[in-house]
């Protein structure tokens, strides 16, 4: 969706861009292998359930949710009101009309307001792909061999 990875690779391989193509590709492979190793080591030191990026996003959403008012529609649907705007969250289907809950597969600000109000475990509403255990499992299967 963004060109950040391409920009990162370009910045990290300024000198290698002038090399023959096979040497350039080998340089890129080695760089990605080093990044994977570094990120795997960082993930192993973390004591949270989610990856650091997902955890940070959840914390930011939680802080933003503190000013939201929650109204119950039924057992699984809620309306979150902020001044003159409102959002409907379906907890059972993990949806919100802002679409962040569906796109990120992490509770959005509105869903977090409702989850907080109901005293539910926020981690039950996060996609498996954000769990460190799944991330470590995936990272260990992505070993690059030259």
C-alpha atoms as a PDB file:
ATOM      1  CA  UNK A   1       0.000   0.000   0.000  1.00  0.00           C
ATOM      2  CA  UNK A   2       2.968   2.292   0.556  1.00  0.00           C
ATOM      3  CA  UNK A   3       6.431   2.444  -0.902  1.00  0.00           C
ATOM      4  CA  UNK A   4       8.148   2.478   2.522  1.00  0.00           C
ATOM      5  CA  UNK A   5       9.797  -0.931   2.048  1.00  0.00           C
ATOM      6  CA  UNK A   6      11.119   0.081  -1.369  1.00  0.00           C
ATOM      7  CA  UNK A   7      12.453   3.337   0.070  1.00  0.00           C
ATOM      8  CA  UNK A   8      14.058   1.464   2.968  1.00  0.00           C
ATOM      9  CA  UNK A   9      15.744  -0.985   0.601  1.00  0.00           C
ATOM     10  CA  UNK A  10      16.958   1.843  -1.640  1.00  0.00           C
ATOM     11  CA  UNK A  11      18.383   3.779   1.307  1.00  0.00           C
ATOM     12  CA  UNK A  12      20.087   0.684   2.745  1.00  0.00           C
ATOM     13  CA  UNK A  13      21.629  -0.335  -0.584  1.00  0.00           C
ATOM     14  CA  UNK A  14      22.919   2.926  -2.048  1.00  0.00           C
ATOM     15  CA  UNK A  15      26.370   1.520  -2.791  1.00  0.00           C
ATOM     16  CA  UNK A  16      25.075  -1.890  -3.908  1.00  0.00           C
ATOM     17  CA  UNK A  17      22.911  -0.368  -6.662  1.00  0.00           C
ATOM     18  CA  UNK A  18      26.027   0.169  -8.783  1.00  0.00           C
ATOM     19  CA  UNK A  19      27.017  -3.526  -8.591  1.00  0.00           C
ATOM     20  CA  UNK A  20      26.134  -6.231 -11.149  1.00  0.00           C
ATOM     21  CA  UNK A  21      22.585  -7.577 -10.804  1.00  0.00           C
ATOM     22  CA  UNK A  22      23.540 -10.904  -9.181  1.00  0.00           C
ATOM     23  CA  UNK A  23      25.653  -9.129  -6.558  1.00  0.00           C
ATOM     24  CA  UNK A  24      22.846  -6.620  -5.973  1.00  0.00           C
ATOM     25  CA  UNK A  25      20.292  -9.408  -5.456  1.00  0.00           C
ATOM     26  CA  UNK A  26      22.663 -11.202  -3.039  1.00  0.00           C
ATOM     27  CA  UNK A  27      23.120  -7.950  -1.131  1.00  0.00           C
ATOM     28  CA  UNK A  28      19.336  -7.492  -0.875  1.00  0.00           C
ATOM     29  CA  UNK A  29      18.902 -11.099   0.274  1.00  0.00           C
ATOM     30  CA  UNK A  30      21.510 -10.647   2.999  1.00  0.00           C
ATOM     31  CA  UNK A  31      19.912  -7.386   4.132  1.00  0.00           C
ATOM     32  CA  UNK A  32      16.423  -8.903   4.394  1.00  0.00           C
ATOM     33  CA  UNK A  33      17.853 -11.911   6.217  1.00  0.00           C
ATOM     34  CA  UNK A  34      19.519  -9.570   8.750  1.00  0.00           C
ATOM     35  CA  UNK A  35      16.279  -7.601   9.217  1.00  0.00           C
ATOM     36  CA  UNK A  36      14.341 -10.834   9.776  1.00  0.00           C
ATOM     37  CA  UNK A  37      16.865 -12.025  12.355  1.00  0.00           C
ATOM     38  CA  UNK A  38      16.843  -8.661  14.176  1.00  0.00           C
ATOM     39  CA  UNK A  39      13.034  -8.503  14.268  1.00  0.00           C
ATOM     40  CA  UNK A  40      12.788 -12.120  15.447  1.00  0.00           C
ATOM     41  CA  UNK A  41      15.215 -11.404  18.323  1.00  0.00           C
ATOM     42  CA  UNK A  42      13.262  -8.264  19.227  1.00  0.00           C
ATOM     43  CA  UNK A  43       9.989 -10.242  19.239  1.00  0.00           C
ATOM     44  CA  UNK A  44      11.482 -12.905  21.502  1.00  0.00           C
ATOM     45  CA  UNK A  45      12.372 -10.259  24.119  1.00  0.00           C
ATOM     46  CA  UNK A  46       8.877  -8.768  24.150  1.00  0.00           C
ATOM     47  CA  UNK A  47       6.538  -9.771  26.978  1.00  0.00           C
ATOM     48  CA  UNK A  48       3.283  -8.619  25.388  1.00  0.00           C
ATOM     49  CA  UNK A  49       0.769 -10.824  23.594  1.00  0.00           C
ATOM     50  CA  UNK A  50       0.846  -8.808  20.376  1.00  0.00           C
ATOM     51  CA  UNK A  51       3.580  -7.506  18.126  1.00  0.00           C
ATOM     52  CA  UNK A  52       4.971  -4.146  19.296  1.00  0.00           C
ATOM     53  CA  UNK A  53       3.324  -2.302  16.388  1.00  0.00           C
ATOM     54  CA  UNK A  54      -0.101  -3.812  17.087  1.00  0.00           C
ATOM     55  CA  UNK A  55       0.260  -3.212  20.838  1.00  0.00           C
ATOM     56  CA  UNK A  56       1.149   0.444  20.218  1.00  0.00           C
ATOM     57  CA  UNK A  57      -1.848   0.861  17.924  1.00  0.00           C
ATOM     58  CA  UNK A  58      -4.133  -0.682  20.558  1.00  0.00           C
ATOM     59  CA  UNK A  59      -2.777   1.637  23.256  1.00  0.00           C
ATOM     60  CA  UNK A  60      -3.285   4.695  21.027  1.00  0.00           C
ATOM     61  CA  UNK A  61      -6.832   3.574  20.178  1.00  0.00           C
ATOM     62  CA  UNK A  62      -7.541   2.975  23.867  1.00  0.00           C
ATOM     63  CA  UNK A  63      -6.408   6.486  24.808  1.00  0.00           C
ATOM     64  CA  UNK A  64      -8.605   7.944  22.045  1.00  0.00           C
ATOM     65  CA  UNK A  65     -11.558   5.835  23.235  1.00  0.00           C
ATOM     66  CA  UNK A  66     -11.613   7.344  26.724  1.00  0.00           C
ATOM     67  CA  UNK A  67     -13.932  10.189  25.673  1.00  0.00           C
ATOM     68  CA  UNK A  68     -16.469   7.991  23.862  1.00  0.00           C
ATOM     69  CA  UNK A  69     -19.960   7.229  25.224  1.00  0.00           C
ATOM     70  CA  UNK A  70     -21.372   3.737  24.701  1.00  0.00           C
ATOM     71  CA  UNK A  71     -25.055   2.892  24.235  1.00  0.00           C
ATOM     72  CA  UNK A  72     -26.321  -0.674  24.012  1.00  0.00           C
ATOM     73  CA  UNK A  73     -28.469  -1.681  21.035  1.00  0.00           C
ATOM     74  CA  UNK A  74     -28.631  -5.421  21.808  1.00  0.00           C
ATOM     75  CA  UNK A  75     -26.310  -8.179  23.139  1.00  0.00           C
ATOM     76  CA  UNK A  76     -23.767  -7.822  20.349  1.00  0.00           C
ATOM     77  CA  UNK A  77     -24.444  -4.373  18.853  1.00  0.00           C
ATOM     78  CA  UNK A  78     -23.550  -1.046  20.388  1.00  0.00           C
ATOM     79  CA  UNK A  79     -23.590   2.608  19.425  1.00  0.00           C
ATOM     80  CA  UNK A  80     -20.615   4.771  20.320  1.00  0.00           C
ATOM     81  CA  UNK A  81     -21.345   8.482  20.464  1.00  0.00           C
ATOM     82  CA  UNK A  82     -18.867  11.337  20.329  1.00  0.00           C
ATOM     83  CA  UNK A  83     -20.461  14.787  20.369  1.00  0.00           C
ATOM     84  CA  UNK A  84     -22.606  14.855  17.189  1.00  0.00           C
ATOM     85  CA  UNK A  85     -21.279  11.674  15.505  1.00  0.00           C
ATOM     86  CA  UNK A  86     -22.004   8.050  16.203  1.00  0.00           C
ATOM     87  CA  UNK A  87     -20.734   4.633  15.123  1.00  0.00           C
ATOM     88  CA  UNK A  88     -22.378   1.221  15.319  1.00  0.00           C
ATOM     89  CA  UNK A  89     -20.224  -1.713  16.384  1.00  0.00           C
ATOM     90  CA  UNK A  90     -21.203  -5.357  15.982  1.00  0.00           C
ATOM     91  CA  UNK A  91     -19.038  -7.208  18.446  1.00  0.00           C
ATOM     92  CA  UNK A  92     -20.097 -10.665  17.294  1.00  0.00           C
ATOM     93  CA  UNK A  93     -19.021  -9.954  13.696  1.00  0.00           C
ATOM     94  CA  UNK A  94     -16.093  -7.704  14.709  1.00  0.00           C
ATOM     95  CA  UNK A  95     -17.319  -4.801  12.591  1.00  0.00           C
ATOM     96  CA  UNK A  96     -17.643  -1.045  12.991  1.00  0.00           C
ATOM     97  CA  UNK A  97     -19.112   1.381  10.484  1.00  0.00           C
ATOM     98  CA  UNK A  98     -15.788   3.266  10.468  1.00  0.00           C
ATOM     99  CA  UNK A  99     -14.347   0.071   8.838  1.00  0.00           C
ATOM    100  CA  UNK A 100     -11.076   0.242  10.845  1.00  0.00           C
ATOM    101  CA  UNK A 101     -12.065  -2.829  12.895  1.00  0.00           C
ATOM    102  CA  UNK A 102     -12.513  -4.873   9.710  1.00  0.00           C
ATOM    103  CA  UNK A 103      -9.491  -3.502   7.815  1.00  0.00           C
ATOM    104  CA  UNK A 104      -6.932  -3.633  10.617  1.00  0.00           C
ATOM    105  CA  UNK A 105      -8.441  -6.691  12.315  1.00  0.00           C
ATOM    106  CA  UNK A 106      -7.702  -4.862  15.570  1.00  0.00           C
ATOM    107  CA  UNK A 107     -10.346  -3.103  17.657  1.00  0.00           C
ATOM    108  CA  UNK A 108     -10.809   0.474  16.488  1.00  0.00           C
ATOM    109  CA  UNK A 109     -11.334   3.419  18.842  1.00  0.00           C
ATOM    110  CA  UNK A 110     -15.095   2.823  18.905  1.00  0.00           C
ATOM    111  CA  UNK A 111     -14.813  -0.921  19.499  1.00  0.00           C
ATOM    112  CA  UNK A 112     -12.324  -0.306  22.299  1.00  0.00           C
ATOM    113  CA  UNK A 113     -14.721   2.106  23.984  1.00  0.00           C
ATOM    114  CA  UNK A 114     -17.350  -0.623  23.959  1.00  0.00           C
ATOM    115  CA  UNK A 115     -14.928  -3.392  25.014  1.00  0.00           C
ATOM    116  CA  UNK A 116     -13.731  -1.216  27.906  1.00  0.00           C
ATOM    117  CA  UNK A 117     -17.309  -0.451  28.951  1.00  0.00           C
ATOM    118  CA  UNK A 118     -18.188  -4.157  28.978  1.00  0.00           C
ATOM    119  CA  UNK A 119     -14.950  -5.141  30.817  1.00  0.00           C
ATOM    120  CA  UNK A 120     -14.041  -7.624  28.069  1.00  0.00           C
ATOM    121  CA  UNK A 121     -10.571  -8.861  27.130  1.00  0.00           C
ATOM    122  CA  UNK A 122      -9.372  -6.751  24.195  1.00  0.00           C
ATOM    123  CA  UNK A 123      -7.031  -9.507  22.994  1.00  0.00           C
ATOM    124  CA  UNK A 124     -10.039 -11.703  22.160  1.00  0.00           C
ATOM    125  CA  UNK A 125     -10.901  -9.240  19.386  1.00  0.00           C
ATOM    126  CA  UNK A 126      -7.477  -9.082  17.712  1.00  0.00           C
ATOM    127  CA  UNK A 127      -6.590 -11.119  14.649  1.00  0.00           C
ATOM    128  CA  UNK A 128      -4.270 -14.086  15.157  1.00  0.00           C
ATOM    129  CA  UNK A 129      -1.769 -12.516  12.752  1.00  0.00           C
ATOM    130  CA  UNK A 130      -0.866  -9.914  15.412  1.00  0.00           C
ATOM    131  CA  UNK A 131      -0.035 -12.429  18.144  1.00  0.00           C
ATOM    132  CA  UNK A 132       3.670 -12.791  18.839  1.00  0.00           C
ATOM    133  CA  UNK A 133       3.412 -16.579  18.874  1.00  0.00           C
ATOM    134  CA  UNK A 134       2.030 -16.567  15.315  1.00  0.00           C
ATOM    135  CA  UNK A 135       4.554 -13.926  14.246  1.00  0.00           C
ATOM    136  CA  UNK A 136       7.449 -15.994  15.637  1.00  0.00           C
ATOM    137  CA  UNK A 137       6.066 -19.125  13.970  1.00  0.00           C
ATOM    138  CA  UNK A 138       5.872 -17.298  10.629  1.00  0.00           C
ATOM    139  CA  UNK A 139       9.297 -15.670  11.028  1.00  0.00           C
ATOM    140  CA  UNK A 140      10.972 -18.986  11.795  1.00  0.00           C
ATOM    141  CA  UNK A 141       9.478 -20.461   8.619  1.00  0.00           C
ATOM    142  CA  UNK A 142      10.896 -17.584   6.527  1.00  0.00           C
ATOM    143  CA  UNK A 143      14.562 -18.440   6.832  1.00  0.00           C
ATOM    144  CA  UNK A 144      16.332 -17.298   3.684  1.00  0.00           C
ATOM    145  CA  UNK A 145      19.073 -19.589   2.440  1.00  0.00           C
ATOM    146  CA  UNK A 146      21.596 -18.462  -0.130  1.00  0.00           C
END
